Amino acid sequence: MKLGGFFLIACLWFSFSGMAQPVWSPGKRADMEMEWMRDSLHVTPAQEKRISPTTANFQKQMDETNGSAKKQNELMRKKDATMRHILNREQYKLYYRREQEIRSRPKPNRGGGRQAY
């Protein structure tokens, strides 16, 4: 009976631990966002040179907000304004639509208020 109980607890532990969302580093999130922009927005190499440091800086600053919604919203507005100057009109529409979709998703309680990309 002890073995069966241990087996049950082990199965439950592994099933719940597999449901955890990964927490990626700011660099990894910036790389993932840049990859999405290359694939979906078809950014030019010149745009990519301007976007890459912007997204990396944004992701780093988001981690430093410690979950403060006010600071995060301010950073997102700044990033959106910067992206508006880098992307053309059609690219920005797609970018902004995706950002709104991401921002409207319910946020998991992971601590640190990190944004998933």
N, C-alpha and C. Protein backbone atom coordinates (compact mmCIF):
# COMPACT_ATOMS: atom_id res chain seq x y z
N MET A 1 0.83 -1.19 0.00
CA MET A 1 0.00 0.00 0.00
C MET A 1 0.87 1.25 0.00
N LYS A 2 1.98 1.22 0.74
CA LYS A 2 2.86 2.39 0.79
C LYS A 2 3.41 2.70 -0.59
N LEU A 3 3.75 1.67 -1.35
CA LEU A 3 4.31 1.86 -2.68
C LEU A 3 3.28 2.50 -3.61
N GLY A 4 2.04 2.07 -3.51
CA GLY A 4 0.97 2.63 -4.34
C GLY A 4 0.73 4.10 -4.02
N GLY A 5 0.76 4.46 -2.74
CA GLY A 5 0.59 5.85 -2.34
C GLY A 5 1.74 6.72 -2.83
N PHE A 6 2.95 6.19 -2.71
CA PHE A 6 4.12 6.91 -3.19
C PHE A 6 4.03 7.13 -4.70
N PHE A 7 3.60 6.08 -5.41
CA PHE A 7 3.47 6.18 -6.86
C PHE A 7 2.43 7.24 -7.25
N LEU A 8 1.32 7.27 -6.54
CA LEU A 8 0.27 8.26 -6.80
C LEU A 8 0.78 9.68 -6.56
N ILE A 9 1.49 9.88 -5.46
CA ILE A 9 2.03 11.21 -5.15
C ILE A 9 3.06 11.62 -6.21
N ALA A 10 3.90 10.67 -6.62
CA ALA A 10 4.91 10.97 -7.65
C ALA A 10 4.23 11.35 -8.96
N CYS A 11 3.19 10.65 -9.35
CA CYS A 11 2.47 10.97 -10.59
C CYS A 11 1.85 12.36 -10.52
N LEU A 12 1.23 12.68 -9.40
CA LEU A 12 0.63 14.00 -9.24
C LEU A 12 1.69 15.09 -9.27
N TRP A 13 2.81 14.85 -8.61
CA TRP A 13 3.89 15.84 -8.58
C TRP A 13 4.39 16.14 -9.99
N PHE A 14 4.65 15.10 -10.77
CA PHE A 14 5.17 15.29 -12.11
C PHE A 14 4.14 15.93 -13.04
N SER A 15 2.88 15.61 -12.87
CA SER A 15 1.86 16.21 -13.74
C SER A 15 1.70 17.70 -13.45
N PHE A 16 1.76 18.10 -12.18
CA PHE A 16 1.63 19.51 -11.85
C PHE A 16 2.90 20.30 -12.16
N SER A 17 4.05 19.70 -11.97
CA SER A 17 5.29 20.42 -12.25
C SER A 17 5.45 20.67 -13.74
N GLY A 18 4.86 19.85 -14.57
CA GLY A 18 4.93 20.04 -16.01
C GLY A 18 4.05 21.18 -16.50
N MET A 19 3.15 21.66 -15.67
CA MET A 19 2.24 22.72 -16.07
C MET A 19 2.83 24.11 -15.83
N ALA A 20 3.94 24.19 -15.17
CA ALA A 20 4.53 25.49 -14.84
C ALA A 20 4.99 26.19 -16.12
N GLN A 21 4.77 27.49 -16.16
CA GLN A 21 5.21 28.29 -17.29
C GLN A 21 6.69 28.61 -17.13
N PRO A 22 7.45 28.52 -18.22
CA PRO A 22 8.86 28.86 -18.10
C PRO A 22 9.03 30.36 -17.92
N VAL A 23 10.05 30.74 -17.20
CA VAL A 23 10.38 32.15 -17.04
C VAL A 23 11.70 32.36 -17.77
N TRP A 24 11.61 33.07 -18.89
CA TRP A 24 12.77 33.27 -19.72
C TRP A 24 13.51 34.54 -19.34
N SER A 25 14.78 34.58 -19.65
CA SER A 25 15.60 35.76 -19.39
C SER A 25 15.16 36.88 -20.33
N PRO A 26 15.48 38.13 -19.98
CA PRO A 26 15.14 39.24 -20.88
C PRO A 26 15.73 39.06 -22.28
N GLY A 27 16.95 38.56 -22.35
CA GLY A 27 17.58 38.33 -23.66
C GLY A 27 16.83 37.31 -24.49
N LYS A 28 16.40 36.23 -23.85
CA LYS A 28 15.65 35.18 -24.55
C LYS A 28 14.31 35.72 -25.03
N ARG A 29 13.62 36.49 -24.20
CA ARG A 29 12.33 37.07 -24.61
C ARG A 29 12.52 38.04 -25.77
N ALA A 30 13.59 38.85 -25.72
CA ALA A 30 13.87 39.79 -26.82
C ALA A 30 14.17 39.03 -28.10
N ASP A 31 14.93 37.93 -28.01
CA ASP A 31 15.23 37.12 -29.19
C ASP A 31 13.96 36.51 -29.78
N MET A 32 13.08 36.03 -28.91
CA MET A 32 11.82 35.44 -29.38
C MET A 32 10.95 36.49 -30.07
N GLU A 33 10.91 37.69 -29.50
CA GLU A 33 10.13 38.75 -30.12
C GLU A 33 10.73 39.15 -31.46
N MET A 34 12.05 39.23 -31.53
CA MET A 34 12.71 39.58 -32.78
C MET A 34 12.45 38.53 -33.84
N GLU A 35 12.47 37.26 -33.45
CA GLU A 35 12.17 36.18 -34.38
C GLU A 35 10.74 36.32 -34.91
N TRP A 36 9.80 36.64 -34.03
CA TRP A 36 8.42 36.85 -34.48
C TRP A 36 8.35 38.00 -35.48
N MET A 37 9.06 39.08 -35.21
CA MET A 37 9.04 40.23 -36.11
C MET A 37 9.65 39.88 -37.47
N ARG A 38 10.72 39.09 -37.48
CA ARG A 38 11.31 38.67 -38.75
C ARG A 38 10.31 37.85 -39.54
N ASP A 39 9.67 36.89 -38.87
CA ASP A 39 8.76 35.98 -39.55
C ASP A 39 7.43 36.63 -39.93
N SER A 40 6.87 37.43 -39.07
CA SER A 40 5.52 37.96 -39.28
C SER A 40 5.50 39.36 -39.89
N LEU A 41 6.44 40.19 -39.50
CA LEU A 41 6.44 41.57 -39.99
C LEU A 41 7.41 41.76 -41.15
N HIS A 42 8.27 40.78 -41.38
CA HIS A 42 9.26 40.85 -42.45
C HIS A 42 10.10 42.12 -42.35
N VAL A 43 10.65 42.35 -41.15
CA VAL A 43 11.46 43.55 -40.94
C VAL A 43 12.72 43.47 -41.78
N THR A 44 13.19 44.62 -42.20
CA THR A 44 14.41 44.71 -42.99
C THR A 44 15.61 44.64 -42.05
N PRO A 45 16.79 44.35 -42.58
CA PRO A 45 17.99 44.35 -41.73
C PRO A 45 18.21 45.70 -41.05
N ALA A 46 17.92 46.79 -41.75
CA ALA A 46 18.08 48.12 -41.14
C ALA A 46 17.11 48.30 -39.97
N GLN A 47 15.86 47.84 -40.14
CA GLN A 47 14.89 47.92 -39.05
C GLN A 47 15.33 47.03 -37.88
N GLU A 48 15.83 45.85 -38.21
CA GLU A 48 16.25 44.92 -37.18
C GLU A 48 17.36 45.51 -36.31
N LYS A 49 18.28 46.23 -36.92
CA LYS A 49 19.37 46.86 -36.16
C LYS A 49 18.83 47.88 -35.15
N ARG A 50 17.72 48.52 -35.47
CA ARG A 50 17.12 49.49 -34.56
C ARG A 50 16.20 48.83 -33.54
N ILE A 51 15.52 47.77 -33.96
CA ILE A 51 14.55 47.10 -33.10
C ILE A 51 15.24 46.26 -32.02
N SER A 52 16.28 45.55 -32.39
CA SER A 52 16.93 44.61 -31.47
C SER A 52 17.35 45.25 -30.15
N PRO A 53 18.07 46.38 -30.14
CA PRO A 53 18.42 46.97 -28.84
C PRO A 53 17.20 47.52 -28.10
N THR A 54 16.20 47.96 -28.84
CA THR A 54 14.98 48.48 -28.21
C THR A 54 14.26 47.38 -27.44
N THR A 55 14.09 46.22 -28.07
CA THR A 55 13.38 45.13 -27.39
C THR A 55 14.20 44.56 -26.24
N ALA A 56 15.51 44.46 -26.42
CA ALA A 56 16.36 43.95 -25.33
C ALA A 56 16.30 44.88 -24.12
N ASN A 57 16.38 46.18 -24.36
CA ASN A 57 16.31 47.16 -23.27
C ASN A 57 14.93 47.12 -22.60
N PHE A 58 13.89 47.02 -23.41
CA PHE A 58 12.53 46.96 -22.88
C PHE A 58 12.35 45.75 -21.96
N GLN A 59 12.80 44.57 -22.42
CA GLN A 59 12.63 43.36 -21.62
C GLN A 59 13.40 43.46 -20.30
N LYS A 60 14.59 44.03 -20.36
CA LYS A 60 15.39 44.20 -19.14
C LYS A 60 14.68 45.14 -18.17
N GLN A 61 14.16 46.25 -18.68
CA GLN A 61 13.47 47.20 -17.81
C GLN A 61 12.18 46.62 -17.25
N MET A 62 11.49 45.77 -18.03
CA MET A 62 10.26 45.14 -17.53
C MET A 62 10.58 44.27 -16.31
N ASP A 63 11.70 43.57 -16.34
CA ASP A 63 12.09 42.75 -15.19
C ASP A 63 12.38 43.62 -13.97
N GLU A 64 12.88 44.81 -14.20
CA GLU A 64 13.25 45.70 -13.10
C GLU A 64 12.06 46.42 -12.47
N THR A 65 10.88 46.31 -13.07
CA THR A 65 9.70 46.97 -12.51
C THR A 65 9.14 46.24 -11.30
N ASN A 66 9.55 45.01 -11.10
CA ASN A 66 9.07 44.19 -9.98
C ASN A 66 7.55 44.08 -9.93
N GLY A 67 6.94 43.99 -11.11
CA GLY A 67 5.50 43.78 -11.19
C GLY A 67 4.65 45.03 -11.06
N SER A 68 5.25 46.21 -11.01
CA SER A 68 4.49 47.46 -10.90
C SER A 68 3.76 47.73 -12.21
N ALA A 69 2.44 47.63 -12.19
CA ALA A 69 1.64 47.83 -13.39
C ALA A 69 1.83 49.23 -13.96
N LYS A 70 1.95 50.21 -13.12
CA LYS A 70 2.12 51.59 -13.58
C LYS A 70 3.42 51.74 -14.37
N LYS A 71 4.51 51.20 -13.84
CA LYS A 71 5.79 51.28 -14.52
C LYS A 71 5.78 50.47 -15.81
N GLN A 72 5.15 49.30 -15.78
CA GLN A 72 5.07 48.47 -16.97
C GLN A 72 4.29 49.16 -18.07
N ASN A 73 3.16 49.77 -17.72
CA ASN A 73 2.36 50.48 -18.73
C ASN A 73 3.13 51.63 -19.34
N GLU A 74 3.89 52.35 -18.53
CA GLU A 74 4.71 53.45 -19.04
C GLU A 74 5.77 52.92 -20.01
N LEU A 75 6.42 51.83 -19.66
CA LEU A 75 7.42 51.23 -20.54
C LEU A 75 6.79 50.76 -21.86
N MET A 76 5.61 50.17 -21.77
CA MET A 76 4.94 49.68 -22.98
C MET A 76 4.57 50.84 -23.91
N ARG A 77 4.13 51.95 -23.34
CA ARG A 77 3.81 53.12 -24.17
C ARG A 77 5.06 53.65 -24.86
N LYS A 78 6.17 53.70 -24.13
CA LYS A 78 7.43 54.16 -24.72
C LYS A 78 7.88 53.23 -25.84
N LYS A 79 7.78 51.94 -25.60
CA LYS A 79 8.19 50.97 -26.61
C LYS A 79 7.31 51.11 -27.85
N ASP A 80 6.00 51.22 -27.65
CA ASP A 80 5.09 51.37 -28.79
C ASP A 80 5.42 52.62 -29.61
N ALA A 81 5.72 53.72 -28.93
CA ALA A 81 6.07 54.96 -29.63
C ALA A 81 7.36 54.78 -30.44
N THR A 82 8.32 54.10 -29.86
CA THR A 82 9.58 53.85 -30.58
C THR A 82 9.33 52.96 -31.78
N MET A 83 8.54 51.91 -31.60
CA MET A 83 8.26 50.98 -32.70
C MET A 83 7.49 51.68 -33.83
N ARG A 84 6.65 52.64 -33.49
CA ARG A 84 5.90 53.37 -34.50
C ARG A 84 6.84 54.12 -35.45
N HIS A 85 7.98 54.58 -34.90
CA HIS A 85 8.94 55.31 -35.73
C HIS A 85 9.83 54.39 -36.56
N ILE A 86 9.95 53.14 -36.14
CA ILE A 86 10.81 52.19 -36.84
C ILE A 86 10.06 51.41 -37.91
N LEU A 87 8.87 50.95 -37.58
CA LEU A 87 8.08 50.11 -38.49
C LEU A 87 7.26 50.96 -39.45
N ASN A 88 6.97 50.38 -40.62
CA ASN A 88 6.04 51.09 -41.52
C ASN A 88 4.62 50.90 -41.01
N ARG A 89 3.67 51.54 -41.65
CA ARG A 89 2.28 51.55 -41.16
C ARG A 89 1.70 50.14 -41.04
N GLU A 90 1.85 49.31 -42.07
CA GLU A 90 1.29 47.96 -42.04
C GLU A 90 1.98 47.10 -40.98
N GLN A 91 3.29 47.20 -40.89
CA GLN A 91 4.01 46.45 -39.87
C GLN A 91 3.56 46.86 -38.48
N TYR A 92 3.39 48.16 -38.28
CA TYR A 92 2.99 48.64 -36.95
C TYR A 92 1.59 48.16 -36.60
N LYS A 93 0.69 48.12 -37.56
CA LYS A 93 -0.66 47.62 -37.29
C LYS A 93 -0.61 46.19 -36.77
N LEU A 94 0.16 45.35 -37.46
CA LEU A 94 0.28 43.95 -37.04
C LEU A 94 0.96 43.85 -35.68
N TYR A 95 2.02 44.63 -35.50
CA TYR A 95 2.74 44.63 -34.22
C TYR A 95 1.80 45.05 -33.09
N TYR A 96 1.07 46.14 -33.29
CA TYR A 96 0.22 46.68 -32.23
C TYR A 96 -0.94 45.72 -31.92
N ARG A 97 -1.49 45.09 -32.95
CA ARG A 97 -2.57 44.12 -32.74
C ARG A 97 -2.06 42.96 -31.88
N ARG A 98 -0.87 42.47 -32.16
CA ARG A 98 -0.30 41.38 -31.37
C ARG A 98 -0.02 41.83 -29.94
N GLU A 99 0.50 43.02 -29.78
CA GLU A 99 0.77 43.54 -28.44
C GLU A 99 -0.51 43.64 -27.62
N GLN A 100 -1.57 44.13 -28.24
CA GLN A 100 -2.85 44.24 -27.52
C GLN A 100 -3.38 42.87 -27.13
N GLU A 101 -3.20 41.89 -28.02
CA GLU A 101 -3.64 40.53 -27.70
C GLU A 101 -2.86 39.98 -26.51
N ILE A 102 -1.55 40.17 -26.53
CA ILE A 102 -0.71 39.68 -25.43
C ILE A 102 -1.08 40.37 -24.13
N ARG A 103 -1.28 41.67 -24.19
CA ARG A 103 -1.57 42.44 -22.98
C ARG A 103 -2.95 42.16 -22.42
N SER A 104 -3.86 41.67 -23.25
CA SER A 104 -5.21 41.39 -22.77
C SER A 104 -5.35 40.00 -22.16
N ARG A 105 -4.35 39.15 -22.35
CA ARG A 105 -4.40 37.81 -21.77
C ARG A 105 -4.32 37.90 -20.26
N PRO A 106 -5.00 36.98 -19.58
CA PRO A 106 -4.86 36.93 -18.13
C PRO A 106 -3.42 36.60 -17.77
N LYS A 107 -2.90 37.29 -16.79
CA LYS A 107 -1.51 37.10 -16.40
C LYS A 107 -1.41 36.06 -15.30
N PRO A 108 -0.55 35.05 -15.51
CA PRO A 108 -0.35 34.06 -14.45
C PRO A 108 0.38 34.70 -13.28
N ASN A 109 0.13 34.22 -12.11
CA ASN A 109 0.79 34.76 -10.92
C ASN A 109 2.14 34.06 -10.77
N ARG A 110 3.16 34.65 -11.44
CA ARG A 110 4.49 34.05 -11.41
C ARG A 110 5.46 34.84 -10.56
N GLY A 111 5.03 35.97 -10.09
CA GLY A 111 5.96 36.81 -9.34
C GLY A 111 6.89 37.53 -10.29
N GLY A 112 7.13 38.79 -10.05
CA GLY A 112 8.03 39.56 -10.90
C GLY A 112 7.34 40.20 -12.08
N GLY A 113 6.11 39.80 -12.38
CA GLY A 113 5.34 40.42 -13.44
C GLY A 113 5.98 40.37 -14.82
N ARG A 114 6.70 39.31 -15.09
CA ARG A 114 7.38 39.20 -16.38
C ARG A 114 6.39 38.94 -17.48
N GLN A 115 6.63 39.53 -18.62
CA GLN A 115 5.78 39.37 -19.78
C GLN A 115 6.26 38.18 -20.59
N ALA A 116 5.33 37.32 -21.00
CA ALA A 116 5.70 36.13 -21.75
C ALA A 116 5.76 36.43 -23.24
N TYR A 117 6.88 36.16 -23.86
CA TYR A 117 7.03 36.29 -25.31
C TYR A 117 7.49 35.01 -25.88
